[in-house]
Amino acid sequence: MPFIHARTNQSIGKDSKAKISALLGQAIEAIPGKTEQWLMTEIEDQKGMFFAGTSEPCAMITIDLFGQSDDTSCDQLTQKVTEIVAAETGIRTERIYVRYLSTDQWGWNGHNF
């Protein structure tokens, strides 16, 4: 039950958003037990974002996970997510943040797991 929320101050076309989402579906497998089957993504563009005091292209990626994951898996996913976003948007990797949030409470289909 992962959710990846990507926000950027750049414009991203519909086709590029779909491609990014599909690539994230492959990348999520860096986390043991996570697959595209349960992945939800949200990609927001043209946000009023600033990083290091400038409005140069930047992105914030938040990855919500049900349960915990180990540091090595998260590091691998961060690398993959950063590469995907940089390649598909042209944003420099040093202007992309990735944040992880984990919880043991996650609901679906009217019930919690």
C-alpha atoms as a PDB file:
ATOM      1  CA  MET A   1       0.000   0.000   0.000  1.00  0.00           C
ATOM      2  CA  PRO A   2       2.433   2.676  -1.077  1.00  0.00           C
ATOM      3  CA  PHE A   3       1.437   6.151  -2.204  1.00  0.00           C
ATOM      4  CA  ILE A   4       3.880   8.352  -4.094  1.00  0.00           C
ATOM      5  CA  HIS A   5       3.036  12.046  -4.269  1.00  0.00           C
ATOM      6  CA  ALA A   6       5.212  14.143  -6.580  1.00  0.00           C
ATOM      7  CA  ARG A   7       5.012  17.934  -6.700  1.00  0.00           C
ATOM      8  CA  THR A   8       6.993  20.253  -8.931  1.00  0.00           C
ATOM      9  CA  ASN A   9       7.012  23.851 -10.086  1.00  0.00           C
ATOM     10  CA  GLN A  10       7.414  22.651 -13.687  1.00  0.00           C
ATOM     11  CA  SER A  11       4.742  21.854 -16.261  1.00  0.00           C
ATOM     12  CA  ILE A  12       4.338  18.143 -16.993  1.00  0.00           C
ATOM     13  CA  GLY A  13       2.132  16.907 -19.813  1.00  0.00           C
ATOM     14  CA  LYS A  14      -0.475  14.172 -19.417  1.00  0.00           C
ATOM     15  CA  ASP A  15       1.619  11.606 -21.317  1.00  0.00           C
ATOM     16  CA  SER A  16       4.708  12.387 -19.222  1.00  0.00           C
ATOM     17  CA  LYS A  17       2.692  12.013 -16.022  1.00  0.00           C
ATOM     18  CA  ALA A  18       1.497   8.583 -17.174  1.00  0.00           C
ATOM     19  CA  LYS A  19       5.065   7.561 -18.035  1.00  0.00           C
ATOM     20  CA  ILE A  20       6.395   8.752 -14.676  1.00  0.00           C
ATOM     21  CA  SER A  21       3.630   6.841 -12.894  1.00  0.00           C
ATOM     22  CA  ALA A  22       4.439   3.651 -14.822  1.00  0.00           C
ATOM     23  CA  LEU A  23       8.148   3.985 -14.050  1.00  0.00           C
ATOM     24  CA  LEU A  24       7.380   4.561 -10.376  1.00  0.00           C
ATOM     25  CA  GLY A  25       5.363   1.342 -10.514  1.00  0.00           C
ATOM     26  CA  GLN A  26       8.542  -0.500 -11.473  1.00  0.00           C
ATOM     27  CA  ALA A  27      10.727   1.383  -8.991  1.00  0.00           C
ATOM     28  CA  ILE A  28       8.498   0.650  -5.974  1.00  0.00           C
ATOM     29  CA  GLU A  29       9.649  -2.965  -6.111  1.00  0.00           C
ATOM     30  CA  ALA A  30      12.894  -1.775  -4.454  1.00  0.00           C
ATOM     31  CA  ILE A  31      10.872  -1.984  -1.228  1.00  0.00           C
ATOM     32  CA  PRO A  32      10.318  -5.653  -0.278  1.00  0.00           C
ATOM     33  CA  GLY A  33       6.691  -6.690  -0.643  1.00  0.00           C
ATOM     34  CA  LYS A  34       5.612  -3.553  -2.541  1.00  0.00           C
ATOM     35  CA  THR A  35       4.286  -3.767  -6.096  1.00  0.00           C
ATOM     36  CA  GLU A  36       2.583  -1.585  -8.654  1.00  0.00           C
ATOM     37  CA  GLN A  37      -0.634  -3.528  -7.997  1.00  0.00           C
ATOM     38  CA  TRP A  38      -1.100  -1.556  -4.752  1.00  0.00           C
ATOM     39  CA  LEU A  39       0.679   1.663  -5.729  1.00  0.00           C
ATOM     40  CA  MET A  40      -1.257   4.922  -5.965  1.00  0.00           C
ATOM     41  CA  THR A  41       0.458   7.968  -7.456  1.00  0.00           C
ATOM     42  CA  GLU A  42      -0.344  11.654  -7.635  1.00  0.00           C
ATOM     43  CA  ILE A  43       1.703  14.010  -9.788  1.00  0.00           C
ATOM     44  CA  GLU A  44       1.097  17.726  -9.331  1.00  0.00           C
ATOM     45  CA  ASP A  45       2.765  20.256 -11.588  1.00  0.00           C
ATOM     46  CA  GLN A  46       3.005  24.049 -11.826  1.00  0.00           C
ATOM     47  CA  LYS A  47       3.109  24.471  -8.033  1.00  0.00           C
ATOM     48  CA  GLY A  48       4.451  27.675  -6.474  1.00  0.00           C
ATOM     49  CA  MET A  49       7.613  26.010  -5.167  1.00  0.00           C
ATOM     50  CA  PHE A  50      10.962  27.473  -4.172  1.00  0.00           C
ATOM     51  CA  PHE A  51      14.124  25.633  -3.155  1.00  0.00           C
ATOM     52  CA  ALA A  52      17.292  27.273  -1.838  1.00  0.00           C
ATOM     53  CA  GLY A  53      15.615  30.641  -2.315  1.00  0.00           C
ATOM     54  CA  THR A  54      14.921  30.302  -6.038  1.00  0.00           C
ATOM     55  CA  SER A  55      12.076  29.180  -8.261  1.00  0.00           C
ATOM     56  CA  GLU A  56      14.420  27.164 -10.491  1.00  0.00           C
ATOM     57  CA  PRO A  57      12.993  23.735 -11.361  1.00  0.00           C
ATOM     58  CA  CYS A  58      12.555  21.601  -8.234  1.00  0.00           C
ATOM     59  CA  ALA A  59      10.481  18.679  -6.966  1.00  0.00           C
ATOM     60  CA  MET A  60       9.295  17.200  -3.685  1.00  0.00           C
ATOM     61  CA  ILE A  61       8.495  13.493  -3.661  1.00  0.00           C
ATOM     62  CA  THR A  62       6.679  11.997  -0.673  1.00  0.00           C
ATOM     63  CA  ILE A  63       6.507   8.230  -0.333  1.00  0.00           C
ATOM     64  CA  ASP A  64       3.938   6.871   2.126  1.00  0.00           C
ATOM     65  CA  LEU A  65       4.417   3.247   3.145  1.00  0.00           C
ATOM     66  CA  PHE A  66       2.289   0.803   5.101  1.00  0.00           C
ATOM     67  CA  GLY A  67       4.708  -0.703   7.584  1.00  0.00           C
ATOM     68  CA  GLN A  68       8.423  -0.140   7.892  1.00  0.00           C
ATOM     69  CA  SER A  69      11.220  -0.565   5.382  1.00  0.00           C
ATOM     70  CA  ASP A  70      14.941  -0.913   5.796  1.00  0.00           C
ATOM     71  CA  ASP A  71      17.428   1.874   5.028  1.00  0.00           C
ATOM     72  CA  THR A  72      19.037   0.044   2.099  1.00  0.00           C
ATOM     73  CA  SER A  73      15.716  -0.461   0.287  1.00  0.00           C
ATOM     74  CA  CYS A  74      14.691   3.154   0.841  1.00  0.00           C
ATOM     75  CA  ASP A  75      18.075   4.344  -0.422  1.00  0.00           C
ATOM     76  CA  GLN A  76      17.639   2.250  -3.581  1.00  0.00           C
ATOM     77  CA  LEU A  77      14.132   3.614  -4.118  1.00  0.00           C
ATOM     78  CA  THR A  78      15.311   7.185  -3.568  1.00  0.00           C
ATOM     79  CA  GLN A  79      17.949   6.712  -6.254  1.00  0.00           C
ATOM     80  CA  LYS A  80      15.423   5.266  -8.712  1.00  0.00           C
ATOM     81  CA  VAL A  81      12.748   7.893  -8.020  1.00  0.00           C
ATOM     82  CA  THR A  82      15.254  10.715  -8.331  1.00  0.00           C
ATOM     83  CA  GLU A  83      16.536   9.331 -11.650  1.00  0.00           C
ATOM     84  CA  ILE A  84      12.995   8.964 -13.009  1.00  0.00           C
ATOM     85  CA  VAL A  85      11.913  12.469 -12.070  1.00  0.00           C
ATOM     86  CA  ALA A  86      15.146  14.028 -13.331  1.00  0.00           C
ATOM     87  CA  ALA A  87      15.023  12.160 -16.644  1.00  0.00           C
ATOM     88  CA  GLU A  88      11.357  12.892 -17.333  1.00  0.00           C
ATOM     89  CA  THR A  89      11.270  16.525 -16.179  1.00  0.00           C
ATOM     90  CA  GLY A  90      14.808  17.833 -16.660  1.00  0.00           C
ATOM     91  CA  ILE A  91      15.009  18.824 -12.978  1.00  0.00           C
ATOM     92  CA  ARG A  92      18.565  18.527 -11.641  1.00  0.00           C
ATOM     93  CA  THR A  93      18.927  15.755  -9.051  1.00  0.00           C
ATOM     94  CA  GLU A  94      20.270  18.153  -6.425  1.00  0.00           C
ATOM     95  CA  ARG A  95      16.927  19.997  -6.581  1.00  0.00           C
ATOM     96  CA  ILE A  96      14.793  16.937  -5.789  1.00  0.00           C
ATOM     97  CA  TYR A  97      13.841  15.965  -2.233  1.00  0.00           C
ATOM     98  CA  VAL A  98      12.445  12.536  -1.335  1.00  0.00           C
ATOM     99  CA  ARG A  99      10.674  12.038   2.009  1.00  0.00           C
ATOM    100  CA  TYR A 100       9.371   8.792   3.542  1.00  0.00           C
ATOM    101  CA  LEU A 101       6.404   8.409   5.871  1.00  0.00           C
ATOM    102  CA  SER A 102       5.510   5.036   7.391  1.00  0.00           C
ATOM    103  CA  THR A 103       2.403   3.936   9.271  1.00  0.00           C
ATOM    104  CA  ASP A 104       0.934   0.764  10.710  1.00  0.00           C
ATOM    105  CA  GLN A 105      -2.599   2.096  10.151  1.00  0.00           C
ATOM    106  CA  TRP A 106      -3.768   1.949   6.551  1.00  0.00           C
ATOM    107  CA  GLY A 107      -7.317   1.469   5.328  1.00  0.00           C
ATOM    108  CA  TRP A 108      -8.673   0.034   2.109  1.00  0.00           C
ATOM    109  CA  ASN A 109     -12.068  -1.209   1.008  1.00  0.00           C
ATOM    110  CA  GLY A 110     -13.701   0.016   4.206  1.00  0.00           C
ATOM    111  CA  HIS A 111     -11.298  -1.713   6.628  1.00  0.00           C
ATOM    112  CA  ASN A 112      -7.796  -1.317   8.036  1.00  0.00           C
ATOM    113  CA  PHE A 113      -5.086  -3.841   7.327  1.00  0.00           C
END
